[in-house]
């Protein structure tokens, strides 16, 4: 796993604006539970990429794991809007279900 992370880091160093590499590295950090790194990378990624919704779910989960419920809620809400706009209603439905079940306070 660490080898993959090093490869992604090298690729990102060579092409700092490469959003595909950012997303790939974030996935590797997610597998290791490195939520701070996931958050930093996905925030940067989302500032640059036209994501179709998947990154919002990853980012929201990382916020959840860090105890940042309001940021997680807002991220799920944004993910719903983006998913619908890109024609992914099932992803939007999954995010809405998470909000309804886990954030109904």
PDB file of N, CA and C in Angstrom:
ATOM      1  N   UNK A   1       0.833  -1.194   0.000  1.00  0.00           N
ATOM      2  CA  UNK A   1       0.000   0.000   0.000  1.00  0.00           C
ATOM      3  C   UNK A   1       0.873   1.251   0.000  1.00  0.00           C
ATOM      4  N   UNK A   2       1.893   1.252   0.825  1.00  0.00           N
ATOM      5  CA  UNK A   2       2.766   2.420   0.923  1.00  0.00           C
ATOM      6  C   UNK A   2       3.451   2.710  -0.406  1.00  0.00           C
ATOM      7  N   UNK A   3       3.778   1.649  -1.162  1.00  0.00           N
ATOM      8  CA  UNK A   3       4.372   1.842  -2.482  1.00  0.00           C
ATOM      9  C   UNK A   3       3.434   2.611  -3.397  1.00  0.00           C
ATOM     10  N   UNK A   4       2.160   2.253  -3.362  1.00  0.00           N
ATOM     11  CA  UNK A   4       1.173   2.944  -4.201  1.00  0.00           C
ATOM     12  C   UNK A   4       1.093   4.413  -3.815  1.00  0.00           C
ATOM     13  N   UNK A   5       1.117   4.682  -2.539  1.00  0.00           N
ATOM     14  CA  UNK A   5       1.067   6.071  -2.075  1.00  0.00           C
ATOM     15  C   UNK A   5       2.283   6.831  -2.571  1.00  0.00           C
ATOM     16  N   UNK A   6       3.444   6.232  -2.475  1.00  0.00           N
ATOM     17  CA  UNK A   6       4.659   6.900  -2.950  1.00  0.00           C
ATOM     18  C   UNK A   6       4.602   7.174  -4.447  1.00  0.00           C
ATOM     19  N   UNK A   7       4.076   6.233  -5.203  1.00  0.00           N
ATOM     20  CA  UNK A   7       3.937   6.431  -6.652  1.00  0.00           C
ATOM     21  C   UNK A   7       2.996   7.593  -6.930  1.00  0.00           C
ATOM     22  N   UNK A   8       1.852   7.623  -6.258  1.00  0.00           N
ATOM     23  CA  UNK A   8       0.906   8.722  -6.456  1.00  0.00           C
ATOM     24  C   UNK A   8       1.530  10.061  -6.053  1.00  0.00           C
ATOM     25  N   UNK A   9       2.272  10.078  -4.955  1.00  0.00           N
ATOM     26  CA  UNK A   9       2.925  11.317  -4.516  1.00  0.00           C
ATOM     27  C   UNK A   9       3.919  11.808  -5.562  1.00  0.00           C
ATOM     28  N   UNK A  10       4.678  10.900  -6.130  1.00  0.00           N
ATOM     29  CA  UNK A  10       5.638  11.276  -7.168  1.00  0.00           C
ATOM     30  C   UNK A  10       4.911  11.823  -8.399  1.00  0.00           C
ATOM     31  N   UNK A  11       3.843  11.158  -8.775  1.00  0.00           N
ATOM     32  CA  UNK A  11       3.057  11.623  -9.918  1.00  0.00           C
ATOM     33  C   UNK A  11       2.477  13.009  -9.654  1.00  0.00           C
ATOM     34  N   UNK A  12       1.996  13.230  -8.438  1.00  0.00           N
ATOM     35  CA  UNK A  12       1.415  14.518  -8.083  1.00  0.00           C
ATOM     36  C   UNK A  12       2.483  15.604  -8.020  1.00  0.00           C
ATOM     37  N   UNK A  13       3.674  15.252  -7.572  1.00  0.00           N
ATOM     38  CA  UNK A  13       4.774  16.216  -7.549  1.00  0.00           C
ATOM     39  C   UNK A  13       5.122  16.656  -8.971  1.00  0.00           C
ATOM     40  N   UNK A  14       5.055  15.726  -9.902  1.00  0.00           N
ATOM     41  CA  UNK A  14       5.357  16.035 -11.298  1.00  0.00           C
ATOM     42  C   UNK A  14       4.235  16.831 -11.961  1.00  0.00           C
ATOM     43  N   UNK A  15       2.991  16.562 -11.547  1.00  0.00           N
ATOM     44  CA  UNK A  15       1.812  17.235 -12.119  1.00  0.00           C
ATOM     45  C   UNK A  15       0.861  17.637 -10.995  1.00  0.00           C
ATOM     46  N   UNK A  16       1.146  18.726 -10.293  1.00  0.00           N
ATOM     47  CA  UNK A  16       0.351  19.101  -9.113  1.00  0.00           C
ATOM     48  C   UNK A  16      -1.124  19.385  -9.380  1.00  0.00           C
ATOM     49  N   UNK A  17      -1.497  19.642 -10.608  1.00  0.00           N
ATOM     50  CA  UNK A  17      -2.891  19.933 -10.931  1.00  0.00           C
ATOM     51  C   UNK A  17      -3.637  18.723 -11.476  1.00  0.00           C
ATOM     52  N   UNK A  18      -3.008  17.559 -11.483  1.00  0.00           N
ATOM     53  CA  UNK A  18      -3.618  16.363 -12.043  1.00  0.00           C
ATOM     54  C   UNK A  18      -4.678  15.832 -11.077  1.00  0.00           C
ATOM     55  N   UNK A  19      -5.942  16.104 -11.396  1.00  0.00           N
ATOM     56  CA  UNK A  19      -7.029  15.743 -10.488  1.00  0.00           C
ATOM     57  C   UNK A  19      -7.232  14.231 -10.386  1.00  0.00           C
ATOM     58  N   UNK A  20      -6.932  13.504 -11.447  1.00  0.00           N
ATOM     59  CA  UNK A  20      -7.070  12.042 -11.381  1.00  0.00           C
ATOM     60  C   UNK A  20      -6.083  11.458 -10.369  1.00  0.00           C
ATOM     61  N   UNK A  21      -4.889  12.003 -10.338  1.00  0.00           N
ATOM     62  CA  UNK A  21      -3.885  11.539  -9.377  1.00  0.00           C
ATOM     63  C   UNK A  21      -4.303  11.928  -7.960  1.00  0.00           C
ATOM     64  N   UNK A  22      -4.831  13.138  -7.797  1.00  0.00           N
ATOM     65  CA  UNK A  22      -5.316  13.562  -6.471  1.00  0.00           C
ATOM     66  C   UNK A  22      -6.364  12.590  -5.950  1.00  0.00           C
ATOM     67  N   UNK A  23      -7.319  12.254  -6.822  1.00  0.00           N
ATOM     68  CA  UNK A  23      -8.391  11.351  -6.415  1.00  0.00           C
ATOM     69  C   UNK A  23      -7.832   9.974  -6.076  1.00  0.00           C
ATOM     70  N   UNK A  24      -6.920   9.470  -6.880  1.00  0.00           N
ATOM     71  CA  UNK A  24      -6.307   8.164  -6.622  1.00  0.00           C
ATOM     72  C   UNK A  24      -5.565   8.132  -5.306  1.00  0.00           C
ATOM     73  N   UNK A  25      -4.815   9.187  -5.030  1.00  0.00           N
ATOM     74  CA  UNK A  25      -4.080   9.261  -3.761  1.00  0.00           C
ATOM     75  C   UNK A  25      -5.054   9.343  -2.592  1.00  0.00           C
ATOM     76  N   UNK A  26      -6.120  10.107  -2.759  1.00  0.00           N
ATOM     77  CA  UNK A  26      -7.134  10.191  -1.696  1.00  0.00           C
ATOM     78  C   UNK A  26      -7.741   8.822  -1.406  1.00  0.00           C
ATOM     79  N   UNK A  27      -7.996   8.016  -2.459  1.00  0.00           N
ATOM     80  CA  UNK A  27      -8.521   6.660  -2.255  1.00  0.00           C
ATOM     81  C   UNK A  27      -7.553   5.808  -1.454  1.00  0.00           C
ATOM     82  N   UNK A  28      -6.267   5.937  -1.738  1.00  0.00           N
ATOM     83  CA  UNK A  28      -5.273   5.161  -0.993  1.00  0.00           C
ATOM     84  C   UNK A  28      -5.250   5.586   0.473  1.00  0.00           C
ATOM     85  N   UNK A  29      -5.315   6.880   0.730  1.00  0.00           N
ATOM     86  CA  UNK A  29      -5.359   7.368   2.111  1.00  0.00           C
ATOM     87  C   UNK A  29      -6.637   6.894   2.804  1.00  0.00           C
ATOM     88  N   UNK A  30      -7.734   6.870   2.064  1.00  0.00           N
ATOM     89  CA  UNK A  30      -9.002   6.402   2.631  1.00  0.00           C
ATOM     90  C   UNK A  30      -8.869   4.956   3.106  1.00  0.00           C
ATOM     91  N   UNK A  31      -8.225   4.114   2.319  1.00  0.00           N
ATOM     92  CA  UNK A  31      -8.034   2.702   2.688  1.00  0.00           C
ATOM     93  C   UNK A  31      -7.269   2.567   3.997  1.00  0.00           C
ATOM     94  N   UNK A  32      -6.378   3.516   4.266  1.00  0.00           N
ATOM     95  CA  UNK A  32      -5.567   3.470   5.480  1.00  0.00           C
ATOM     96  C   UNK A  32      -6.196   4.221   6.649  1.00  0.00           C
ATOM     97  N   UNK A  33      -7.348   4.855   6.398  1.00  0.00           N
ATOM     98  CA  UNK A  33      -8.011   5.611   7.456  1.00  0.00           C
ATOM     99  C   UNK A  33      -7.325   6.921   7.791  1.00  0.00           C
ATOM    100  N   UNK A  34      -6.568   7.459   6.851  1.00  0.00           N
ATOM    101  CA  UNK A  34      -5.866   8.725   7.066  1.00  0.00           C
ATOM    102  C   UNK A  34      -6.790   9.871   6.644  1.00  0.00           C
ATOM    103  N   UNK A  35      -7.763  10.137   7.507  1.00  0.00           N
ATOM    104  CA  UNK A  35      -8.837  11.070   7.168  1.00  0.00           C
ATOM    105  C   UNK A  35      -8.371  12.497   6.935  1.00  0.00           C
ATOM    106  N   UNK A  36      -7.401  12.954   7.668  1.00  0.00           N
ATOM    107  CA  UNK A  36      -6.883  14.303   7.450  1.00  0.00           C
ATOM    108  C   UNK A  36      -6.311  14.464   6.050  1.00  0.00           C
ATOM    109  N   UNK A  37      -5.594  13.446   5.591  1.00  0.00           N
ATOM    110  CA  UNK A  37      -5.029  13.485   4.243  1.00  0.00           C
ATOM    111  C   UNK A  37      -6.126  13.391   3.188  1.00  0.00           C
ATOM    112  N   UNK A  38      -7.144  12.565   3.449  1.00  0.00           N
ATOM    113  CA  UNK A  38      -8.278  12.454   2.526  1.00  0.00           C
ATOM    114  C   UNK A  38      -8.953  13.820   2.382  1.00  0.00           C
ATOM    115  N   UNK A  39      -9.207  14.463   3.505  1.00  0.00           N
ATOM    116  CA  UNK A  39      -9.883  15.763   3.499  1.00  0.00           C
ATOM    117  C   UNK A  39      -9.066  16.791   2.721  1.00  0.00           C
ATOM    118  N   UNK A  40      -7.787  16.895   3.018  1.00  0.00           N
ATOM    119  CA  UNK A  40      -6.939  17.885   2.340  1.00  0.00           C
ATOM    120  C   UNK A  40      -6.920  17.657   0.829  1.00  0.00           C
ATOM    121  N   UNK A  41      -6.744  16.414   0.424  1.00  0.00           N
ATOM    122  CA  UNK A  41      -6.673  16.119  -1.005  1.00  0.00           C
ATOM    123  C   UNK A  41      -8.004  16.335  -1.708  1.00  0.00           C
ATOM    124  N   UNK A  42      -9.091  15.881  -1.095  1.00  0.00           N
ATOM    125  CA  UNK A  42     -10.381  16.016  -1.759  1.00  0.00           C
ATOM    126  C   UNK A  42     -10.866  17.460  -1.792  1.00  0.00           C
ATOM    127  N   UNK A  43     -10.543  18.243  -0.793  1.00  0.00           N
ATOM    128  CA  UNK A  43     -10.881  19.666  -0.864  1.00  0.00           C
ATOM    129  C   UNK A  43     -10.145  20.321  -2.031  1.00  0.00           C
ATOM    130  N   UNK A  44      -8.887  19.980  -2.198  1.00  0.00           N
ATOM    131  CA  UNK A  44      -8.099  20.497  -3.322  1.00  0.00           C
ATOM    132  C   UNK A  44      -8.653  19.979  -4.642  1.00  0.00           C
ATOM    133  N   UNK A  45      -8.950  18.691  -4.682  1.00  0.00           N
ATOM    134  CA  UNK A  45      -9.512  18.060  -5.874  1.00  0.00           C
ATOM    135  C   UNK A  45     -10.815  18.736  -6.297  1.00  0.00           C
ATOM    136  N   UNK A  46     -11.729  18.927  -5.339  1.00  0.00           N
ATOM    137  CA  UNK A  46     -13.041  19.494  -5.654  1.00  0.00           C
ATOM    138  C   UNK A  46     -12.950  20.964  -6.064  1.00  0.00           C
ATOM    139  N   UNK A  47     -11.905  21.651  -5.647  1.00  0.00           N
ATOM    140  CA  UNK A  47     -11.699  23.032  -6.080  1.00  0.00           C
ATOM    141  C   UNK A  47     -11.273  23.100  -7.543  1.00  0.00           C
ATOM    142  N   UNK A  48     -10.798  21.960  -8.090  1.00  0.00           N
ATOM    143  CA  UNK A  48     -10.268  21.939  -9.449  1.00  0.00           C
ATOM    144  C   UNK A  48     -11.076  21.084 -10.427  1.00  0.00           C
ATOM    145  N   UNK A  49     -11.773  20.079  -9.933  1.00  0.00           N
ATOM    146  CA  UNK A  49     -12.373  19.064 -10.806  1.00  0.00           C
ATOM    147  C   UNK A  49     -13.893  19.220 -10.907  1.00  0.00           C
ATOM    148  N   UNK A  50     -14.421  18.744 -12.006  1.00  0.00           N
ATOM    149  CA  UNK A  50     -15.868  18.651 -12.174  1.00  0.00           C
ATOM    150  C   UNK A  50     -16.268  17.234 -11.769  1.00  0.00           C
ATOM    151  N   UNK A  51     -16.340  17.015 -10.473  1.00  0.00           N
ATOM    152  CA  UNK A  51     -16.656  15.689  -9.950  1.00  0.00           C
ATOM    153  C   UNK A  51     -18.138  15.395 -10.151  1.00  0.00           C
ATOM    154  N   UNK A  52     -18.447  14.130 -10.341  1.00  0.00           N
ATOM    155  CA  UNK A  52     -19.839  13.734 -10.571  1.00  0.00           C
ATOM    156  C   UNK A  52     -20.547  13.301  -9.297  1.00  0.00           C
ATOM    157  N   UNK A  53     -19.894  13.377  -8.169  1.00  0.00           N
ATOM    158  CA  UNK A  53     -20.539  13.099  -6.900  1.00  0.00           C
ATOM    159  C   UNK A  53     -19.775  12.183  -5.975  1.00  0.00           C
ATOM    160  N   UNK A  54     -18.977  11.278  -6.506  1.00  0.00           N
ATOM    161  CA  UNK A  54     -18.304  10.276  -5.684  1.00  0.00           C
ATOM    162  C   UNK A  54     -17.371  10.903  -4.644  1.00  0.00           C
ATOM    163  N   UNK A  55     -16.637  11.917  -5.026  1.00  0.00           N
ATOM    164  CA  UNK A  55     -15.683  12.531  -4.093  1.00  0.00           C
ATOM    165  C   UNK A  55     -16.399  13.163  -2.902  1.00  0.00           C
ATOM    166  N   UNK A  56     -17.619  13.637  -3.128  1.00  0.00           N
ATOM    167  CA  UNK A  56     -18.363  14.246  -2.024  1.00  0.00           C
ATOM    168  C   UNK A  56     -18.693  13.212  -0.952  1.00  0.00           C
ATOM    169  N   UNK A  57     -19.043  12.013  -1.358  1.00  0.00           N
ATOM    170  CA  UNK A  57     -19.307  10.951  -0.388  1.00  0.00           C
ATOM    171  C   UNK A  57     -18.061  10.571   0.385  1.00  0.00           C
ATOM    172  N   UNK A  58     -16.939  10.456  -0.328  1.00  0.00           N
ATOM    173  CA  UNK A  58     -15.667  10.142   0.346  1.00  0.00           C
ATOM    174  C   UNK A  58     -15.303  11.227   1.340  1.00  0.00           C
ATOM    175  N   UNK A  59     -15.445  12.482   0.916  1.00  0.00           N
ATOM    176  CA  UNK A  59     -15.090  13.608   1.777  1.00  0.00           C
ATOM    177  C   UNK A  59     -16.014  13.660   2.990  1.00  0.00           C
ATOM    178  N   UNK A  60     -17.303  13.455   2.778  1.00  0.00           N
ATOM    179  CA  UNK A  60     -18.250  13.476   3.897  1.00  0.00           C
ATOM    180  C   UNK A  60     -17.912  12.397   4.925  1.00  0.00           C
ATOM    181  N   UNK A  61     -17.559  11.210   4.450  1.00  0.00           N
ATOM    182  CA  UNK A  61     -17.190  10.134   5.381  1.00  0.00           C
ATOM    183  C   UNK A  61     -15.926  10.477   6.159  1.00  0.00           C
ATOM    184  N   UNK A  62     -14.977  11.101   5.503  1.00  0.00           N
ATOM    185  CA  UNK A  62     -13.748  11.508   6.197  1.00  0.00           C
ATOM    186  C   UNK A  62     -14.075  12.546   7.270  1.00  0.00           C
ATOM    187  N   UNK A  63     -14.961  13.504   6.944  1.00  0.00           N
ATOM    188  CA  UNK A  63     -15.392  14.474   7.953  1.00  0.00           C
ATOM    189  C   UNK A  63     -16.082  13.761   9.112  1.00  0.00           C
ATOM    190  N   UNK A  64     -16.943  12.792   8.802  1.00  0.00           N
ATOM    191  CA  UNK A  64     -17.634  12.026   9.847  1.00  0.00           C
ATOM    192  C   UNK A  64     -16.627  11.378  10.789  1.00  0.00           C
ATOM    193  N   UNK A  65     -15.634  10.714  10.210  1.00  0.00           N
ATOM    194  CA  UNK A  65     -14.625  10.021  11.016  1.00  0.00           C
ATOM    195  C   UNK A  65     -13.822  10.991  11.881  1.00  0.00           C
ATOM    196  N   UNK A  66     -13.726  12.230  11.435  1.00  0.00           N
ATOM    197  CA  UNK A  66     -13.008  13.241  12.218  1.00  0.00           C
ATOM    198  C   UNK A  66     -13.927  13.971  13.199  1.00  0.00           C
ATOM    199  N   UNK A  67     -15.205  13.572  13.250  1.00  0.00           N
ATOM    200  CA  UNK A  67     -16.151  14.194  14.175  1.00  0.00           C
ATOM    201  C   UNK A  67     -16.681  15.535  13.705  1.00  0.00           C
ATOM    202  N   UNK A  68     -16.544  15.832  12.431  1.00  0.00           N
ATOM    203  CA  UNK A  68     -16.999  17.113  11.884  1.00  0.00           C
ATOM    204  C   UNK A  68     -18.349  16.915  11.182  1.00  0.00           C
ATOM    205  N   UNK A  69     -19.400  16.727  12.010  1.00  0.00           N
ATOM    206  CA  UNK A  69     -20.722  16.368  11.482  1.00  0.00           C
ATOM    207  C   UNK A  69     -21.338  17.437  10.592  1.00  0.00           C
ATOM    208  N   UNK A  70     -21.188  18.691  10.944  1.00  0.00           N
ATOM    209  CA  UNK A  70     -21.798  19.745  10.129  1.00  0.00           C
ATOM    210  C   UNK A  70     -21.138  19.830   8.756  1.00  0.00           C
ATOM    211  N   UNK A  71     -19.833  19.682   8.721  1.00  0.00           N
ATOM    212  CA  UNK A  71     -19.145  19.668   7.424  1.00  0.00           C
ATOM    213  C   UNK A  71     -19.556  18.438   6.622  1.00  0.00           C
ATOM    214  N   UNK A  72     -19.709  17.315   7.300  1.00  0.00           N
ATOM    215  CA  UNK A  72     -20.151  16.090   6.620  1.00  0.00           C
ATOM    216  C   UNK A  72     -21.541  16.291   6.040  1.00  0.00           C
ATOM    217  N   UNK A  73     -22.450  16.844   6.826  1.00  0.00           N
ATOM    218  CA  UNK A  73     -23.823  17.082   6.361  1.00  0.00           C
ATOM    219  C   UNK A  73     -23.822  17.993   5.131  1.00  0.00           C
ATOM    220  N   UNK A  74     -23.104  19.092   5.199  1.00  0.00           N
ATOM    221  CA  UNK A  74     -23.055  20.038   4.078  1.00  0.00           C
ATOM    222  C   UNK A  74     -22.443  19.381   2.838  1.00  0.00           C
ATOM    223  N   UNK A  75     -21.471  18.519   3.055  1.00  0.00           N
ATOM    224  CA  UNK A  75     -20.824  17.842   1.933  1.00  0.00           C
ATOM    225  C   UNK A  75     -21.763  16.833   1.288  1.00  0.00           C
ATOM    226  N   UNK A  76     -22.519  16.096   2.095  1.00  0.00           N
ATOM    227  CA  UNK A  76     -23.525  15.194   1.529  1.00  0.00           C
ATOM    228  C   UNK A  76     -24.557  15.991   0.723  1.00  0.00           C
ATOM    229  N   UNK A  77     -24.991  17.116   1.254  1.00  0.00           N
ATOM    230  CA  UNK A  77     -25.976  17.935   0.547  1.00  0.00           C
ATOM    231  C   UNK A  77     -25.434  18.409  -0.796  1.00  0.00           C
ATOM    232  N   UNK A  78     -24.199  18.857  -0.816  1.00  0.00           N
ATOM    233  CA  UNK A  78     -23.572  19.273  -2.076  1.00  0.00           C
ATOM    234  C   UNK A  78     -23.445  18.066  -3.006  1.00  0.00           C
ATOM    235  N   UNK A  79     -23.083  16.916  -2.460  1.00  0.00           N
ATOM    236  CA  UNK A  79     -22.964  15.698  -3.255  1.00  0.00           C
ATOM    237  C   UNK A  79     -24.276  15.294  -3.897  1.00  0.00           C
ATOM    238  N   UNK A  80     -25.383  15.515  -3.200  1.00  0.00           N
ATOM    239  CA  UNK A  80     -26.699  15.222  -3.768  1.00  0.00           C
ATOM    240  C   UNK A  80     -26.941  16.097  -4.993  1.00  0.00           C
ATOM    241  N   UNK A  81     -26.706  17.390  -4.847  1.00  0.00           N
ATOM    242  CA  UNK A  81     -26.930  18.320  -5.960  1.00  0.00           C
ATOM    243  C   UNK A  81     -26.053  17.981  -7.159  1.00  0.00           C
ATOM    244  N   UNK A  82     -24.789  17.685  -6.901  1.00  0.00           N
ATOM    245  CA  UNK A  82     -23.852  17.373  -7.983  1.00  0.00           C
ATOM    246  C   UNK A  82     -24.225  16.048  -8.651  1.00  0.00           C
ATOM    247  N   UNK A  83     -24.569  15.057  -7.859  1.00  0.00           N
ATOM    248  CA  UNK A  83     -24.945  13.745  -8.400  1.00  0.00           C
ATOM    249  C   UNK A  83     -26.166  13.851  -9.307  1.00  0.00           C
ATOM    250  N   UNK A  84     -27.160  14.589  -8.866  1.00  0.00           N
ATOM    251  CA  UNK A  84     -28.372  14.774  -9.666  1.00  0.00           C
ATOM    252  C   UNK A  84     -28.024  15.507 -10.966  1.00  0.00           C
ATOM    253  N   UNK A  85     -27.204  16.550 -10.862  1.00  0.00           N
ATOM    254  CA  UNK A  85     -26.833  17.337 -12.044  1.00  0.00           C
ATOM    255  C   UNK A  85     -26.098  16.491 -13.082  1.00  0.00           C
ATOM    256  N   UNK A  86     -25.387  15.469 -12.619  1.00  0.00           N
ATOM    257  CA  UNK A  86     -24.622  14.609 -13.523  1.00  0.00           C
ATOM    258  C   UNK A  86     -25.350  13.313 -13.870  1.00  0.00           C
ATOM    259  N   UNK A  87     -26.624  13.229 -13.504  1.00  0.00           N
ATOM    260  CA  UNK A  87     -27.415  12.067 -13.884  1.00  0.00           C
ATOM    261  C   UNK A  87     -27.133  10.812 -13.082  1.00  0.00           C
ATOM    262  N   UNK A  88     -26.831  10.990 -11.799  1.00  0.00           N
ATOM    263  CA  UNK A  88     -26.578   9.846 -10.910  1.00  0.00           C
ATOM    264  C   UNK A  88     -27.580   9.850  -9.757  1.00  0.00           C
ATOM    265  N   UNK A  89     -28.846   9.593 -10.057  1.00  0.00           N
ATOM    266  CA  UNK A  89     -29.868   9.667  -9.006  1.00  0.00           C
ATOM    267  C   UNK A  89     -29.695   8.628  -7.907  1.00  0.00           C
ATOM    268  N   UNK A  90     -29.138   7.460  -8.224  1.00  0.00           N
ATOM    269  CA  UNK A  90     -28.971   6.461  -7.164  1.00  0.00           C
ATOM    270  C   UNK A  90     -27.918   6.908  -6.155  1.00  0.00           C
ATOM    271  N   UNK A  91     -26.868   7.562  -6.621  1.00  0.00           N
ATOM    272  CA  UNK A  91     -25.858   8.102  -5.704  1.00  0.00           C
ATOM    273  C   UNK A  91     -26.486   9.187  -4.840  1.00  0.00           C
ATOM    274  N   UNK A  92     -27.261  10.057  -5.461  1.00  0.00           N
ATOM    275  CA  UNK A  92     -27.948  11.105  -4.706  1.00  0.00           C
ATOM    276  C   UNK A  92     -28.881  10.487  -3.673  1.00  0.00           C
ATOM    277  N   UNK A  93     -29.576   9.418  -4.059  1.00  0.00           N
ATOM    278  CA  UNK A  93     -30.464   8.727  -3.133  1.00  0.00           C
ATOM    279  C   UNK A  93     -29.728   8.118  -1.958  1.00  0.00           C
ATOM    280  N   UNK A  94     -28.556   7.562  -2.223  1.00  0.00           N
ATOM    281  CA  UNK A  94     -27.732   7.000  -1.132  1.00  0.00           C
ATOM    282  C   UNK A  94     -27.331   8.092  -0.147  1.00  0.00           C
ATOM    283  N   UNK A  95     -26.903   9.233  -0.687  1.00  0.00           N
ATOM    284  CA  UNK A  95     -26.500  10.343   0.184  1.00  0.00           C
ATOM    285  C   UNK A  95     -27.693  10.864   0.981  1.00  0.00           C
ATOM    286  N   UNK A  96     -28.852  10.954   0.322  1.00  0.00           N
ATOM    287  CA  UNK A  96     -30.055  11.428   1.016  1.00  0.00           C
ATOM    288  C   UNK A  96     -30.453  10.460   2.123  1.00  0.00           C
ATOM    289  N   UNK A  97     -30.345   9.167   1.856  1.00  0.00           N
ATOM    290  CA  UNK A  97     -30.668   8.166   2.879  1.00  0.00           C
ATOM    291  C   UNK A  97     -29.724   8.311   4.076  1.00  0.00           C
ATOM    292  N   UNK A  98     -28.448   8.540   3.817  1.00  0.00           N
ATOM    293  CA  UNK A  98     -27.495   8.749   4.905  1.00  0.00           C
ATOM    294  C   UNK A  98     -27.903   9.959   5.734  1.00  0.00           C
ATOM    295  N   UNK A  99     -28.265  11.043   5.066  1.00  0.00           N
ATOM    296  CA  UNK A  99     -28.709  12.233   5.803  1.00  0.00           C
ATOM    297  C   UNK A  99     -29.961  11.930   6.621  1.00  0.00           C
ATOM    298  N   UNK A 100     -30.918  11.238   6.018  1.00  0.00           N
ATOM    299  CA  UNK A 100     -32.169  10.946   6.704  1.00  0.00           C
ATOM    300  C   UNK A 100     -31.965  10.028   7.912  1.00  0.00           C
ATOM    301  N   UNK A 101     -31.083   9.056   7.775  1.00  0.00           N
ATOM    302  CA  UNK A 101     -30.890   8.081   8.852  1.00  0.00           C
ATOM    303  C   UNK A 101     -29.883   8.529   9.915  1.00  0.00           C
ATOM    304  N   UNK A 102     -28.802   9.135   9.482  1.00  0.00           N
ATOM    305  CA  UNK A 102     -27.706   9.446  10.408  1.00  0.00           C
ATOM    306  C   UNK A 102     -27.670  10.901  10.868  1.00  0.00           C
ATOM    307  N   UNK A 103     -28.411  11.761  10.195  1.00  0.00           N
ATOM    308  CA  UNK A 103     -28.330  13.194  10.515  1.00  0.00           C
ATOM    309  C   UNK A 103     -29.699  13.785  10.826  1.00  0.00           C
ATOM    310  N   UNK A 104     -30.643  12.958  11.182  1.00  0.00           N
ATOM    311  CA  UNK A 104     -31.997  13.419  11.486  1.00  0.00           C
ATOM    312  C   UNK A 104     -32.088  13.853  12.949  1.00  0.00           C
ATOM    313  N   UNK A 105     -31.358  14.903  13.299  1.00  0.00           N
ATOM    314  CA  UNK A 105     -31.408  15.351  14.690  1.00  0.00           C
ATOM    315  C   UNK A 105     -32.071  16.669  14.816  1.00  0.00           C
TER     316      UNK A 105
END
